[in-house]
């Protein structure tokens, strides 16, 4: 069952949408995730976790940039989700964003998927 959550939030160069799809919370950031926008992204992830979404899927297809601040927010959400018995799945990363994860080794601690459909199918099987 899909149920929408209160609309998208936006700050500067980042918009974040949070919704539930199946048994997962889907967080969709669009734009640039950096020091000036990380708090907006963090709030959206916390909202998703607080509303019972320990299985998070982050649809990164619209994320055009992610720096170390954004990476740290994702790592924190991963710890919270795992402590609640869930996890964080990342989907559809553009090469420029994927490169940050490769360079830092963070790609080894997240489950990465080609696109949102693949991530949702994988999470549903878990």
PDB file of N, CA and C in Angstrom:
ATOM      1  N   UNK A   1       0.843  -1.180   0.000  1.00  0.00           N
ATOM      2  CA  UNK A   1       0.000   0.000   0.000  1.00  0.00           C
ATOM      3  C   UNK A   1       0.881   1.235   0.000  1.00  0.00           C
ATOM      4  N   UNK A   2       0.646   2.142  -0.879  1.00  0.00           N
ATOM      5  CA  UNK A   2       1.391   3.392  -0.934  1.00  0.00           C
ATOM      6  C   UNK A   2       0.621   4.457  -0.181  1.00  0.00           C
ATOM      7  N   UNK A   3       1.354   5.251   0.574  1.00  0.00           N
ATOM      8  CA  UNK A   3       0.708   6.383   1.224  1.00  0.00           C
ATOM      9  C   UNK A   3       1.679   7.544   1.176  1.00  0.00           C
ATOM     10  N   UNK A   4       1.188   8.640   0.713  1.00  0.00           N
ATOM     11  CA  UNK A   4       2.027   9.814   0.590  1.00  0.00           C
ATOM     12  C   UNK A   4       2.268  10.452   1.943  1.00  0.00           C
ATOM     13  N   UNK A   5       3.351  11.174   2.047  1.00  0.00           N
ATOM     14  CA  UNK A   5       3.662  11.926   3.248  1.00  0.00           C
ATOM     15  C   UNK A   5       3.598  13.386   2.859  1.00  0.00           C
ATOM     16  N   UNK A   6       3.523  14.277   3.827  1.00  0.00           N
ATOM     17  CA  UNK A   6       3.409  15.685   3.486  1.00  0.00           C
ATOM     18  C   UNK A   6       4.474  16.099   2.497  1.00  0.00           C
ATOM     19  N   UNK A   7       4.086  16.655   1.374  1.00  0.00           N
ATOM     20  CA  UNK A   7       4.870  17.113   0.239  1.00  0.00           C
ATOM     21  C   UNK A   7       6.367  17.213   0.342  1.00  0.00           C
ATOM     22  N   UNK A   8       6.894  17.813  -0.643  1.00  0.00           N
ATOM     23  CA  UNK A   8       8.328  18.015  -0.740  1.00  0.00           C
ATOM     24  C   UNK A   8       8.744  19.239   0.054  1.00  0.00           C
ATOM     25  N   UNK A   9       9.993  19.204   0.502  1.00  0.00           N
ATOM     26  CA  UNK A   9      10.572  20.376   1.144  1.00  0.00           C
ATOM     27  C   UNK A   9      11.756  20.818   0.311  1.00  0.00           C
ATOM     28  N   UNK A  10      12.030  22.100   0.316  1.00  0.00           N
ATOM     29  CA  UNK A  10      13.079  22.637  -0.527  1.00  0.00           C
ATOM     30  C   UNK A  10      13.875  23.690   0.228  1.00  0.00           C
ATOM     31  N   UNK A  11      15.166  23.691  -0.030  1.00  0.00           N
ATOM     32  CA  UNK A  11      16.019  24.734   0.524  1.00  0.00           C
ATOM     33  C   UNK A  11      17.132  24.994  -0.477  1.00  0.00           C
ATOM     34  N   UNK A  12      17.125  26.159  -1.047  1.00  0.00           N
ATOM     35  CA  UNK A  12      18.188  26.518  -1.980  1.00  0.00           C
ATOM     36  C   UNK A  12      18.263  25.579  -3.158  1.00  0.00           C
ATOM     37  N   UNK A  13      19.375  24.861  -3.240  1.00  0.00           N
ATOM     38  CA  UNK A  13      19.645  23.996  -4.387  1.00  0.00           C
ATOM     39  C   UNK A  13      19.208  22.545  -4.177  1.00  0.00           C
ATOM     40  N   UNK A  14      18.418  22.260  -3.124  1.00  0.00           N
ATOM     41  CA  UNK A  14      18.007  20.888  -2.866  1.00  0.00           C
ATOM     42  C   UNK A  14      16.515  20.824  -2.550  1.00  0.00           C
ATOM     43  N   UNK A  15      15.857  19.852  -3.159  1.00  0.00           N
ATOM     44  CA  UNK A  15      14.472  19.521  -2.852  1.00  0.00           C
ATOM     45  C   UNK A  15      14.463  18.068  -2.407  1.00  0.00           C
ATOM     46  N   UNK A  16      13.706  17.757  -1.355  1.00  0.00           N
ATOM     47  CA  UNK A  16      13.637  16.386  -0.868  1.00  0.00           C
ATOM     48  C   UNK A  16      12.177  15.981  -0.719  1.00  0.00           C
ATOM     49  N   UNK A  17      11.843  14.848  -1.308  1.00  0.00           N
ATOM     50  CA  UNK A  17      10.508  14.273  -1.201  1.00  0.00           C
ATOM     51  C   UNK A  17      10.613  12.989  -0.382  1.00  0.00           C
ATOM     52  N   UNK A  18       9.658  12.778   0.511  1.00  0.00           N
ATOM     53  CA  UNK A  18       9.603  11.556   1.313  1.00  0.00           C
ATOM     54  C   UNK A  18       8.218  10.943   1.144  1.00  0.00           C
ATOM     55  N   UNK A  19       8.186   9.657   0.833  1.00  0.00           N
ATOM     56  CA  UNK A  19       6.922   8.938   0.704  1.00  0.00           C
ATOM     57  C   UNK A  19       7.144   7.485   1.095  1.00  0.00           C
ATOM     58  N   UNK A  20       6.052   6.780   1.313  1.00  0.00           N
ATOM     59  CA  UNK A  20       6.142   5.347   1.590  1.00  0.00           C
ATOM     60  C   UNK A  20       5.666   4.594   0.367  1.00  0.00           C
ATOM     61  N   UNK A  21       6.408   3.566   0.027  1.00  0.00           N
ATOM     62  CA  UNK A  21       6.034   2.718  -1.102  1.00  0.00           C
ATOM     63  C   UNK A  21       6.275   1.278  -0.657  1.00  0.00           C
ATOM     64  N   UNK A  22       5.212   0.504  -0.605  1.00  0.00           N
ATOM     65  CA  UNK A  22       5.328  -0.841  -0.063  1.00  0.00           C
ATOM     66  C   UNK A  22       5.707  -0.722   1.405  1.00  0.00           C
ATOM     67  N   UNK A  23       6.691  -1.469   1.826  1.00  0.00           N
ATOM     68  CA  UNK A  23       7.138  -1.414   3.214  1.00  0.00           C
ATOM     69  C   UNK A  23       8.346  -0.540   3.418  1.00  0.00           C
ATOM     70  N   UNK A  24       8.655   0.306   2.450  1.00  0.00           N
ATOM     71  CA  UNK A  24       9.854   1.136   2.524  1.00  0.00           C
ATOM     72  C   UNK A  24       9.520   2.615   2.514  1.00  0.00           C
ATOM     73  N   UNK A  25      10.385   3.386   3.141  1.00  0.00           N
ATOM     74  CA  UNK A  25      10.317   4.839   3.006  1.00  0.00           C
ATOM     75  C   UNK A  25      11.243   5.201   1.850  1.00  0.00           C
ATOM     76  N   UNK A  26      10.728   5.941   0.898  1.00  0.00           N
ATOM     77  CA  UNK A  26      11.515   6.374  -0.257  1.00  0.00           C
ATOM     78  C   UNK A  26      11.809   7.856  -0.093  1.00  0.00           C
ATOM     79  N   UNK A  27      13.090   8.178  -0.037  1.00  0.00           N
ATOM     80  CA  UNK A  27      13.546   9.556   0.107  1.00  0.00           C
ATOM     81  C   UNK A  27      14.200   9.943  -1.213  1.00  0.00           C
ATOM     82  N   UNK A  28      13.711  11.031  -1.809  1.00  0.00           N
ATOM     83  CA  UNK A  28      14.199  11.441  -3.119  1.00  0.00           C
ATOM     84  C   UNK A  28      14.777  12.849  -3.055  1.00  0.00           C
ATOM     85  N   UNK A  29      16.106  12.957  -2.959  1.00  0.00           N
ATOM     86  CA  UNK A  29      16.732  14.275  -3.020  1.00  0.00           C
ATOM     87  C   UNK A  29      16.983  14.661  -4.479  1.00  0.00           C
ATOM     88  N   UNK A  30      16.760  15.916  -4.793  1.00  0.00           N
ATOM     89  CA  UNK A  30      17.044  16.419  -6.145  1.00  0.00           C
ATOM     90  C   UNK A  30      17.813  17.713  -6.025  1.00  0.00           C
ATOM     91  N   UNK A  31      18.942  17.774  -6.717  1.00  0.00           N
ATOM     92  CA  UNK A  31      19.774  18.968  -6.690  1.00  0.00           C
ATOM     93  C   UNK A  31      21.133  18.667  -6.096  1.00  0.00           C
ATOM     94  N   UNK A  32      21.608  19.589  -5.260  1.00  0.00           N
ATOM     95  CA  UNK A  32      22.952  19.499  -4.702  1.00  0.00           C
ATOM     96  C   UNK A  32      22.899  19.287  -3.198  1.00  0.00           C
ATOM     97  N   UNK A  33      23.557  18.231  -2.743  1.00  0.00           N
ATOM     98  CA  UNK A  33      23.626  17.899  -1.326  1.00  0.00           C
ATOM     99  C   UNK A  33      25.012  18.262  -0.819  1.00  0.00           C
ATOM    100  N   UNK A  34      25.063  19.336  -0.037  1.00  0.00           N
ATOM    101  CA  UNK A  34      26.335  19.815   0.488  1.00  0.00           C
ATOM    102  C   UNK A  34      26.117  20.424   1.869  1.00  0.00           C
ATOM    103  N   UNK A  35      27.122  21.111   2.366  1.00  0.00           N
ATOM    104  CA  UNK A  35      27.068  21.677   3.712  1.00  0.00           C
ATOM    105  C   UNK A  35      25.836  22.564   3.932  1.00  0.00           C
ATOM    106  N   UNK A  36      25.458  23.335   2.936  1.00  0.00           N
ATOM    107  CA  UNK A  36      24.343  24.267   3.114  1.00  0.00           C
ATOM    108  C   UNK A  36      22.974  23.612   2.980  1.00  0.00           C
ATOM    109  N   UNK A  37      22.898  22.388   2.457  1.00  0.00           N
ATOM    110  CA  UNK A  37      21.604  21.724   2.278  1.00  0.00           C
ATOM    111  C   UNK A  37      21.485  20.413   3.063  1.00  0.00           C
ATOM    112  N   UNK A  38      22.551  20.001   3.726  1.00  0.00           N
ATOM    113  CA  UNK A  38      22.561  18.704   4.420  1.00  0.00           C
ATOM    114  C   UNK A  38      21.520  18.622   5.532  1.00  0.00           C
ATOM    115  N   UNK A  39      21.247  19.750   6.211  1.00  0.00           N
ATOM    116  CA  UNK A  39      20.265  19.706   7.302  1.00  0.00           C
ATOM    117  C   UNK A  39      18.871  19.372   6.777  1.00  0.00           C
ATOM    118  N   UNK A  40      18.504  19.869   5.613  1.00  0.00           N
ATOM    119  CA  UNK A  40      17.212  19.548   5.002  1.00  0.00           C
ATOM    120  C   UNK A  40      17.123  18.047   4.707  1.00  0.00           C
ATOM    121  N   UNK A  41      18.181  17.495   4.152  1.00  0.00           N
ATOM    122  CA  UNK A  41      18.222  16.077   3.837  1.00  0.00           C
ATOM    123  C   UNK A  41      18.172  15.237   5.113  1.00  0.00           C
ATOM    124  N   UNK A  42      18.909  15.652   6.119  1.00  0.00           N
ATOM    125  CA  UNK A  42      18.932  14.958   7.399  1.00  0.00           C
ATOM    126  C   UNK A  42      17.541  14.931   8.035  1.00  0.00           C
ATOM    127  N   UNK A  43      16.855  16.060   7.995  1.00  0.00           N
ATOM    128  CA  UNK A  43      15.497  16.146   8.549  1.00  0.00           C
ATOM    129  C   UNK A  43      14.550  15.184   7.829  1.00  0.00           C
ATOM    130  N   UNK A  44      14.680  15.084   6.513  1.00  0.00           N
ATOM    131  CA  UNK A  44      13.822  14.182   5.742  1.00  0.00           C
ATOM    132  C   UNK A  44      14.096  12.724   6.103  1.00  0.00           C
ATOM    133  N   UNK A  45      15.371  12.366   6.260  1.00  0.00           N
ATOM    134  CA  UNK A  45      15.722  10.997   6.642  1.00  0.00           C
ATOM    135  C   UNK A  45      15.211  10.689   8.050  1.00  0.00           C
ATOM    136  N   UNK A  46      15.358  11.637   8.964  1.00  0.00           N
ATOM    137  CA  UNK A  46      14.868  11.446  10.330  1.00  0.00           C
ATOM    138  C   UNK A  46      13.351  11.284  10.342  1.00  0.00           C
ATOM    139  N   UNK A  47      12.653  12.059   9.527  1.00  0.00           N
ATOM    140  CA  UNK A  47      11.195  11.944   9.410  1.00  0.00           C
ATOM    141  C   UNK A  47      10.822  10.538   8.940  1.00  0.00           C
ATOM    142  N   UNK A  48      11.508  10.054   7.918  1.00  0.00           N
ATOM    143  CA  UNK A  48      11.218   8.730   7.381  1.00  0.00           C
ATOM    144  C   UNK A  48      11.469   7.650   8.429  1.00  0.00           C
ATOM    145  N   UNK A  49      12.546   7.761   9.173  1.00  0.00           N
ATOM    146  CA  UNK A  49      12.861   6.785  10.215  1.00  0.00           C
ATOM    147  C   UNK A  49      11.855   6.854  11.360  1.00  0.00           C
ATOM    148  N   UNK A  50      11.481   8.056  11.747  1.00  0.00           N
ATOM    149  CA  UNK A  50      10.550   8.246  12.869  1.00  0.00           C
ATOM    150  C   UNK A  50       9.171   7.687  12.557  1.00  0.00           C
ATOM    151  N   UNK A  51       8.812   7.682  11.291  1.00  0.00           N
ATOM    152  CA  UNK A  51       7.488   7.193  10.896  1.00  0.00           C
ATOM    153  C   UNK A  51       7.509   5.710  10.550  1.00  0.00           C
ATOM    154  N   UNK A  52       8.502   5.009  11.093  1.00  0.00           N
ATOM    155  CA  UNK A  52       8.539   3.556  10.934  1.00  0.00           C
ATOM    156  C   UNK A  52       9.222   3.064   9.686  1.00  0.00           C
ATOM    157  N   UNK A  53       9.966   3.906   9.037  1.00  0.00           N
ATOM    158  CA  UNK A  53      10.628   3.499   7.801  1.00  0.00           C
ATOM    159  C   UNK A  53      12.056   3.050   8.009  1.00  0.00           C
ATOM    160  N   UNK A  54      12.274   1.980   8.778  1.00  0.00           N
ATOM    161  CA  UNK A  54      13.651   1.528   8.999  1.00  0.00           C
ATOM    162  C   UNK A  54      14.263   0.947   7.728  1.00  0.00           C
ATOM    163  N   UNK A  55      13.422   0.680   6.742  1.00  0.00           N
ATOM    164  CA  UNK A  55      13.922   0.268   5.429  1.00  0.00           C
ATOM    165  C   UNK A  55      13.842   1.500   4.529  1.00  0.00           C
ATOM    166  N   UNK A  56      14.978   2.146   4.337  1.00  0.00           N
ATOM    167  CA  UNK A  56      15.031   3.378   3.552  1.00  0.00           C
ATOM    168  C   UNK A  56      15.593   3.096   2.169  1.00  0.00           C
ATOM    169  N   UNK A  57      14.949   3.667   1.176  1.00  0.00           N
ATOM    170  CA  UNK A  57      15.472   3.660  -0.188  1.00  0.00           C
ATOM    171  C   UNK A  57      15.676   5.120  -0.558  1.00  0.00           C
ATOM    172  N   UNK A  58      16.911   5.462  -0.899  1.00  0.00           N
ATOM    173  CA  UNK A  58      17.218   6.822  -1.323  1.00  0.00           C
ATOM    174  C   UNK A  58      17.377   6.795  -2.840  1.00  0.00           C
ATOM    175  N   UNK A  59      16.443   7.455  -3.521  1.00  0.00           N
ATOM    176  CA  UNK A  59      16.467   7.535  -4.981  1.00  0.00           C
ATOM    177  C   UNK A  59      17.373   8.700  -5.367  1.00  0.00           C
ATOM    178  N   UNK A  60      18.590   8.367  -5.761  1.00  0.00           N
ATOM    179  CA  UNK A  60      19.624   9.378  -6.037  1.00  0.00           C
ATOM    180  C   UNK A  60      19.643   9.859  -7.482  1.00  0.00           C
ATOM    181  N   UNK A  61      18.670   9.443  -8.292  1.00  0.00           N
ATOM    182  CA  UNK A  61      18.692   9.764  -9.724  1.00  0.00           C
ATOM    183  C   UNK A  61      18.717  11.264 -10.001  1.00  0.00           C
ATOM    184  N   UNK A  62      18.126  12.071  -9.119  1.00  0.00           N
ATOM    185  CA  UNK A  62      18.102  13.520  -9.319  1.00  0.00           C
ATOM    186  C   UNK A  62      19.151  14.257  -8.518  1.00  0.00           C
ATOM    187  N   UNK A  63      20.021  13.506  -7.855  1.00  0.00           N
ATOM    188  CA  UNK A  63      21.078  14.119  -7.046  1.00  0.00           C
ATOM    189  C   UNK A  63      22.266  14.419  -7.947  1.00  0.00           C
ATOM    190  N   UNK A  64      22.546  15.704  -8.134  1.00  0.00           N
ATOM    191  CA  UNK A  64      23.574  16.122  -9.068  1.00  0.00           C
ATOM    192  C   UNK A  64      24.941  16.306  -8.422  1.00  0.00           C
ATOM    193  N   UNK A  65      24.964  16.407  -7.088  1.00  0.00           N
ATOM    194  CA  UNK A  65      26.227  16.610  -6.375  1.00  0.00           C
ATOM    195  C   UNK A  65      26.058  16.143  -4.945  1.00  0.00           C
ATOM    196  N   UNK A  66      27.080  15.522  -4.393  1.00  0.00           N
ATOM    197  CA  UNK A  66      27.084  15.127  -2.988  1.00  0.00           C
ATOM    198  C   UNK A  66      28.502  15.262  -2.471  1.00  0.00           C
ATOM    199  N   UNK A  67      28.673  16.045  -1.401  1.00  0.00           N
ATOM    200  CA  UNK A  67      30.003  16.169  -0.810  1.00  0.00           C
ATOM    201  C   UNK A  67      30.080  15.330   0.458  1.00  0.00           C
ATOM    202  N   UNK A  68      31.163  15.485   1.212  1.00  0.00           N
ATOM    203  CA  UNK A  68      31.366  14.667   2.407  1.00  0.00           C
ATOM    204  C   UNK A  68      30.303  14.916   3.476  1.00  0.00           C
ATOM    205  N   UNK A  69      29.737  16.101   3.515  1.00  0.00           N
ATOM    206  CA  UNK A  69      28.682  16.385   4.488  1.00  0.00           C
ATOM    207  C   UNK A  69      27.454  15.525   4.191  1.00  0.00           C
ATOM    208  N   UNK A  70      27.066  15.456   2.934  1.00  0.00           N
ATOM    209  CA  UNK A  70      25.937  14.620   2.534  1.00  0.00           C
ATOM    210  C   UNK A  70      26.218  13.153   2.780  1.00  0.00           C
ATOM    211  N   UNK A  71      27.444  12.734   2.513  1.00  0.00           N
ATOM    212  CA  UNK A  71      27.837  11.358   2.766  1.00  0.00           C
ATOM    213  C   UNK A  71      27.725  11.031   4.252  1.00  0.00           C
ATOM    214  N   UNK A  72      28.150  11.938   5.107  1.00  0.00           N
ATOM    215  CA  UNK A  72      28.041  11.724   6.555  1.00  0.00           C
ATOM    216  C   UNK A  72      26.591  11.614   7.011  1.00  0.00           C
ATOM    217  N   UNK A  73      25.705  12.396   6.411  1.00  0.00           N
ATOM    218  CA  UNK A  73      24.270  12.310   6.745  1.00  0.00           C
ATOM    219  C   UNK A  73      23.753  10.915   6.389  1.00  0.00           C
ATOM    220  N   UNK A  74      24.125  10.420   5.226  1.00  0.00           N
ATOM    221  CA  UNK A  74      23.694   9.084   4.810  1.00  0.00           C
ATOM    222  C   UNK A  74      24.265   8.001   5.724  1.00  0.00           C
ATOM    223  N   UNK A  75      25.517   8.146   6.122  1.00  0.00           N
ATOM    224  CA  UNK A  75      26.123   7.164   7.017  1.00  0.00           C
ATOM    225  C   UNK A  75      25.408   7.145   8.368  1.00  0.00           C
ATOM    226  N   UNK A  76      25.030   8.320   8.870  1.00  0.00           N
ATOM    227  CA  UNK A  76      24.282   8.392  10.125  1.00  0.00           C
ATOM    228  C   UNK A  76      22.921   7.738  10.005  1.00  0.00           C
ATOM    229  N   UNK A  77      22.239   7.971   8.880  1.00  0.00           N
ATOM    230  CA  UNK A  77      20.927   7.354   8.657  1.00  0.00           C
ATOM    231  C   UNK A  77      21.063   5.838   8.562  1.00  0.00           C
ATOM    232  N   UNK A  78      22.144   5.381   7.953  1.00  0.00           N
ATOM    233  CA  UNK A  78      22.397   3.941   7.850  1.00  0.00           C
ATOM    234  C   UNK A  78      22.511   3.316   9.241  1.00  0.00           C
ATOM    235  N   UNK A  79      23.246   3.949  10.125  1.00  0.00           N
ATOM    236  CA  UNK A  79      23.401   3.429  11.488  1.00  0.00           C
ATOM    237  C   UNK A  79      22.057   3.372  12.209  1.00  0.00           C
ATOM    238  N   UNK A  80      21.269   4.436  12.071  1.00  0.00           N
ATOM    239  CA  UNK A  80      19.944   4.473  12.707  1.00  0.00           C
ATOM    240  C   UNK A  80      19.035   3.384  12.143  1.00  0.00           C
ATOM    241  N   UNK A  81      19.019   3.245  10.834  1.00  0.00           N
ATOM    242  CA  UNK A  81      18.153   2.248  10.196  1.00  0.00           C
ATOM    243  C   UNK A  81      18.565   0.839  10.602  1.00  0.00           C
ATOM    244  N   UNK A  82      19.864   0.581  10.622  1.00  0.00           N
ATOM    245  CA  UNK A  82      20.328  -0.754  10.986  1.00  0.00           C
ATOM    246  C   UNK A  82      20.038  -1.065  12.451  1.00  0.00           C
ATOM    247  N   UNK A  83      20.125  -0.063  13.320  1.00  0.00           N
ATOM    248  CA  UNK A  83      19.824  -0.313  14.730  1.00  0.00           C
ATOM    249  C   UNK A  83      18.341  -0.595  14.940  1.00  0.00           C
ATOM    250  N   UNK A  84      17.499  -0.185  13.989  1.00  0.00           N
ATOM    251  CA  UNK A  84      16.059  -0.453  14.051  1.00  0.00           C
ATOM    252  C   UNK A  84      15.692  -1.712  13.254  1.00  0.00           C
ATOM    253  N   UNK A  85      16.711  -2.445  12.780  1.00  0.00           N
ATOM    254  CA  UNK A  85      16.459  -3.682  12.052  1.00  0.00           C
ATOM    255  C   UNK A  85      16.285  -3.512  10.559  1.00  0.00           C
ATOM    256  N   UNK A  86      16.602  -2.342  10.035  1.00  0.00           N
ATOM    257  CA  UNK A  86      16.437  -2.079   8.606  1.00  0.00           C
ATOM    258  C   UNK A  86      17.757  -1.822   7.915  1.00  0.00           C
ATOM    259  N   UNK A  87      17.732  -0.950   6.964  1.00  0.00           N
ATOM    260  CA  UNK A  87      18.929  -0.610   6.212  1.00  0.00           C
ATOM    261  C   UNK A  87      18.651   0.528   5.256  1.00  0.00           C
ATOM    262  N   UNK A  88      19.693   0.962   4.577  1.00  0.00           N
ATOM    263  CA  UNK A  88      19.584   2.037   3.591  1.00  0.00           C
ATOM    264  C   UNK A  88      20.057   1.499   2.247  1.00  0.00           C
ATOM    265  N   UNK A  89      19.209   1.640   1.246  1.00  0.00           N
ATOM    266  CA  UNK A  89      19.523   1.241  -0.120  1.00  0.00           C
ATOM    267  C   UNK A  89      19.597   2.504  -0.969  1.00  0.00           C
ATOM    268  N   UNK A  90      20.628   2.603  -1.779  1.00  0.00           N
ATOM    269  CA  UNK A  90      20.811   3.765  -2.646  1.00  0.00           C
ATOM    270  C   UNK A  90      20.562   3.342  -4.089  1.00  0.00           C
ATOM    271  N   UNK A  91      19.802   4.153  -4.805  1.00  0.00           N
ATOM    272  CA  UNK A  91      19.413   3.795  -6.168  1.00  0.00           C
ATOM    273  C   UNK A  91      19.704   4.911  -7.162  1.00  0.00           C
ATOM    274  N   UNK A  92      20.116   4.512  -8.357  1.00  0.00           N
ATOM    275  CA  UNK A  92      20.198   5.426  -9.486  1.00  0.00           C
ATOM    276  C   UNK A  92      21.218   6.539  -9.379  1.00  0.00           C
ATOM    277  N   UNK A  93      22.365   6.279  -8.780  1.00  0.00           N
ATOM    278  CA  UNK A  93      23.367   7.342  -8.626  1.00  0.00           C
ATOM    279  C   UNK A  93      23.980   7.743  -9.963  1.00  0.00           C
ATOM    280  N   UNK A  94      24.058   9.041 -10.193  1.00  0.00           N
ATOM    281  CA  UNK A  94      24.786   9.556 -11.341  1.00  0.00           C
ATOM    282  C   UNK A  94      26.281   9.301 -11.111  1.00  0.00           C
ATOM    283  N   UNK A  95      27.069   9.168 -12.173  1.00  0.00           N
ATOM    284  CA  UNK A  95      28.499   8.889 -12.009  1.00  0.00           C
ATOM    285  C   UNK A  95      29.238   9.877 -11.106  1.00  0.00           C
ATOM    286  N   UNK A  96      28.894  11.157 -11.167  1.00  0.00           N
ATOM    287  CA  UNK A  96      29.582  12.156 -10.353  1.00  0.00           C
ATOM    288  C   UNK A  96      29.327  11.919  -8.861  1.00  0.00           C
ATOM    289  N   UNK A  97      28.154  11.444  -8.508  1.00  0.00           N
ATOM    290  CA  UNK A  97      27.828  11.136  -7.112  1.00  0.00           C
ATOM    291  C   UNK A  97      28.431   9.788  -6.726  1.00  0.00           C
ATOM    292  N   UNK A  98      28.328   8.802  -7.599  1.00  0.00           N
ATOM    293  CA  UNK A  98      28.890   7.478  -7.323  1.00  0.00           C
ATOM    294  C   UNK A  98      30.392   7.570  -7.063  1.00  0.00           C
ATOM    295  N   UNK A  99      31.054   8.484  -7.728  1.00  0.00           N
ATOM    296  CA  UNK A  99      32.510   8.634  -7.569  1.00  0.00           C
ATOM    297  C   UNK A  99      32.880   8.994  -6.132  1.00  0.00           C
ATOM    298  N   UNK A 100      32.099   9.829  -5.470  1.00  0.00           N
ATOM    299  CA  UNK A 100      32.351  10.190  -4.071  1.00  0.00           C
ATOM    300  C   UNK A 100      32.295   8.941  -3.201  1.00  0.00           C
ATOM    301  N   UNK A 101      31.334   8.071  -3.468  1.00  0.00           N
ATOM    302  CA  UNK A 101      31.182   6.842  -2.694  1.00  0.00           C
ATOM    303  C   UNK A 101      32.337   5.881  -2.966  1.00  0.00           C
ATOM    304  N   UNK A 102      32.791   5.827  -4.217  1.00  0.00           N
ATOM    305  CA  UNK A 102      33.919   4.958  -4.569  1.00  0.00           C
ATOM    306  C   UNK A 102      35.211   5.441  -3.915  1.00  0.00           C
ATOM    307  N   UNK A 103      35.479   6.730  -4.009  1.00  0.00           N
ATOM    308  CA  UNK A 103      36.721   7.293  -3.475  1.00  0.00           C
ATOM    309  C   UNK A 103      36.822   7.088  -1.971  1.00  0.00           C
ATOM    310  N   UNK A 104      35.720   7.262  -1.271  1.00  0.00           N
ATOM    311  CA  UNK A 104      35.730   7.177   0.188  1.00  0.00           C
ATOM    312  C   UNK A 104      35.557   5.755   0.707  1.00  0.00           C
ATOM    313  N   UNK A 105      35.187   4.832  -0.153  1.00  0.00           N
ATOM    314  CA  UNK A 105      34.932   3.458   0.273  1.00  0.00           C
ATOM    315  C   UNK A 105      33.527   3.256   0.811  1.00  0.00           C
ATOM    316  N   UNK A 106      32.716   4.295   0.802  1.00  0.00           N
ATOM    317  CA  UNK A 106      31.355   4.204   1.333  1.00  0.00           C
ATOM    318  C   UNK A 106      30.473   3.276   0.503  1.00  0.00           C
ATOM    319  N   UNK A 107      30.834   3.045  -0.746  1.00  0.00           N
ATOM    320  CA  UNK A 107      30.028   2.142  -1.573  1.00  0.00           C
ATOM    321  C   UNK A 107      30.030   0.725  -1.003  1.00  0.00           C
ATOM    322  N   UNK A 108      31.014   0.406  -0.179  1.00  0.00           N
ATOM    323  CA  UNK A 108      31.086  -0.933   0.423  1.00  0.00           C
ATOM    324  C   UNK A 108      30.119  -1.108   1.588  1.00  0.00           C
ATOM    325  N   UNK A 109      29.620  -0.022   2.169  1.00  0.00           N
ATOM    326  CA  UNK A 109      28.739  -0.150   3.334  1.00  0.00           C
ATOM    327  C   UNK A 109      27.266   0.094   3.011  1.00  0.00           C
ATOM    328  N   UNK A 110      26.979   0.463   1.779  1.00  0.00           N
ATOM    329  CA  UNK A 110      25.599   0.649   1.339  1.00  0.00           C
ATOM    330  C   UNK A 110      25.254  -0.409   0.297  1.00  0.00           C
ATOM    331  N   UNK A 111      23.975  -0.714   0.195  1.00  0.00           N
ATOM    332  CA  UNK A 111      23.499  -1.561  -0.888  1.00  0.00           C
ATOM    333  C   UNK A 111      23.123  -0.631  -2.029  1.00  0.00           C
ATOM    334  N   UNK A 112      23.795  -0.804  -3.166  1.00  0.00           N
ATOM    335  CA  UNK A 112      23.598   0.077  -4.321  1.00  0.00           C
ATOM    336  C   UNK A 112      22.792  -0.638  -5.388  1.00  0.00           C
ATOM    337  N   UNK A 113      21.896   0.106  -6.029  1.00  0.00           N
ATOM    338  CA  UNK A 113      21.033  -0.449  -7.074  1.00  0.00           C
ATOM    339  C   UNK A 113      21.071   0.461  -8.293  1.00  0.00           C
ATOM    340  N   UNK A 114      20.849  -0.143  -9.452  1.00  0.00           N
ATOM    341  CA  UNK A 114      20.879   0.609 -10.704  1.00  0.00           C
ATOM    342  C   UNK A 114      19.796   1.677 -10.757  1.00  0.00           C
ATOM    343  N   UNK A 115      18.589   1.337 -10.259  1.00  0.00           N
ATOM    344  CA  UNK A 115      17.493   2.299 -10.297  1.00  0.00           C
ATOM    345  C   UNK A 115      16.522   2.027  -9.148  1.00  0.00           C
ATOM    346  N   UNK A 116      15.524   2.882  -9.021  1.00  0.00           N
ATOM    347  CA  UNK A 116      14.564   2.781  -7.924  1.00  0.00           C
ATOM    348  C   UNK A 116      13.784   1.470  -7.963  1.00  0.00           C
ATOM    349  N   UNK A 117      13.361   1.041  -9.131  1.00  0.00           N
ATOM    350  CA  UNK A 117      12.599  -0.207  -9.246  1.00  0.00           C
ATOM    351  C   UNK A 117      13.402  -1.390  -8.724  1.00  0.00           C
ATOM    352  N   UNK A 118      14.682  -1.451  -9.084  1.00  0.00           N
ATOM    353  CA  UNK A 118      15.540  -2.552  -8.622  1.00  0.00           C
ATOM    354  C   UNK A 118      15.698  -2.506  -7.102  1.00  0.00           C
ATOM    355  N   UNK A 119      15.850  -1.321  -6.561  1.00  0.00           N
ATOM    356  CA  UNK A 119      16.001  -1.184  -5.107  1.00  0.00           C
ATOM    357  C   UNK A 119      14.737  -1.628  -4.391  1.00  0.00           C
ATOM    358  N   UNK A 120      13.583  -1.183  -4.861  1.00  0.00           N
ATOM    359  CA  UNK A 120      12.317  -1.546  -4.220  1.00  0.00           C
ATOM    360  C   UNK A 120      12.063  -3.049  -4.321  1.00  0.00           C
ATOM    361  N   UNK A 121      12.419  -3.657  -5.439  1.00  0.00           N
ATOM    362  CA  UNK A 121      12.243  -5.101  -5.597  1.00  0.00           C
ATOM    363  C   UNK A 121      13.138  -5.847  -4.615  1.00  0.00           C
ATOM    364  N   UNK A 122      14.366  -5.371  -4.445  1.00  0.00           N
ATOM    365  CA  UNK A 122      15.314  -6.013  -3.536  1.00  0.00           C
ATOM    366  C   UNK A 122      14.874  -5.876  -2.090  1.00  0.00           C
ATOM    367  N   UNK A 123      14.418  -4.696  -1.722  1.00  0.00           N
ATOM    368  CA  UNK A 123      13.975  -4.452  -0.353  1.00  0.00           C
ATOM    369  C   UNK A 123      12.742  -5.284  -0.046  1.00  0.00           C
ATOM    370  N   UNK A 124      11.852  -5.431  -1.002  1.00  0.00           N
ATOM    371  CA  UNK A 124      10.624  -6.205  -0.802  1.00  0.00           C
ATOM    372  C   UNK A 124      10.932  -7.675  -0.551  1.00  0.00           C
ATOM    373  N   UNK A 125      12.011  -8.187  -1.149  1.00  0.00           N
ATOM    374  CA  UNK A 125      12.406  -9.585  -0.975  1.00  0.00           C
ATOM    375  C   UNK A 125      13.035  -9.830   0.379  1.00  0.00           C
ATOM    376  N   UNK A 126      13.552  -8.787   1.013  1.00  0.00           N
ATOM    377  CA  UNK A 126      14.279  -8.955   2.290  1.00  0.00           C
ATOM    378  C   UNK A 126      13.340  -9.271   3.434  1.00  0.00           C
TER     379      UNK A 126
END
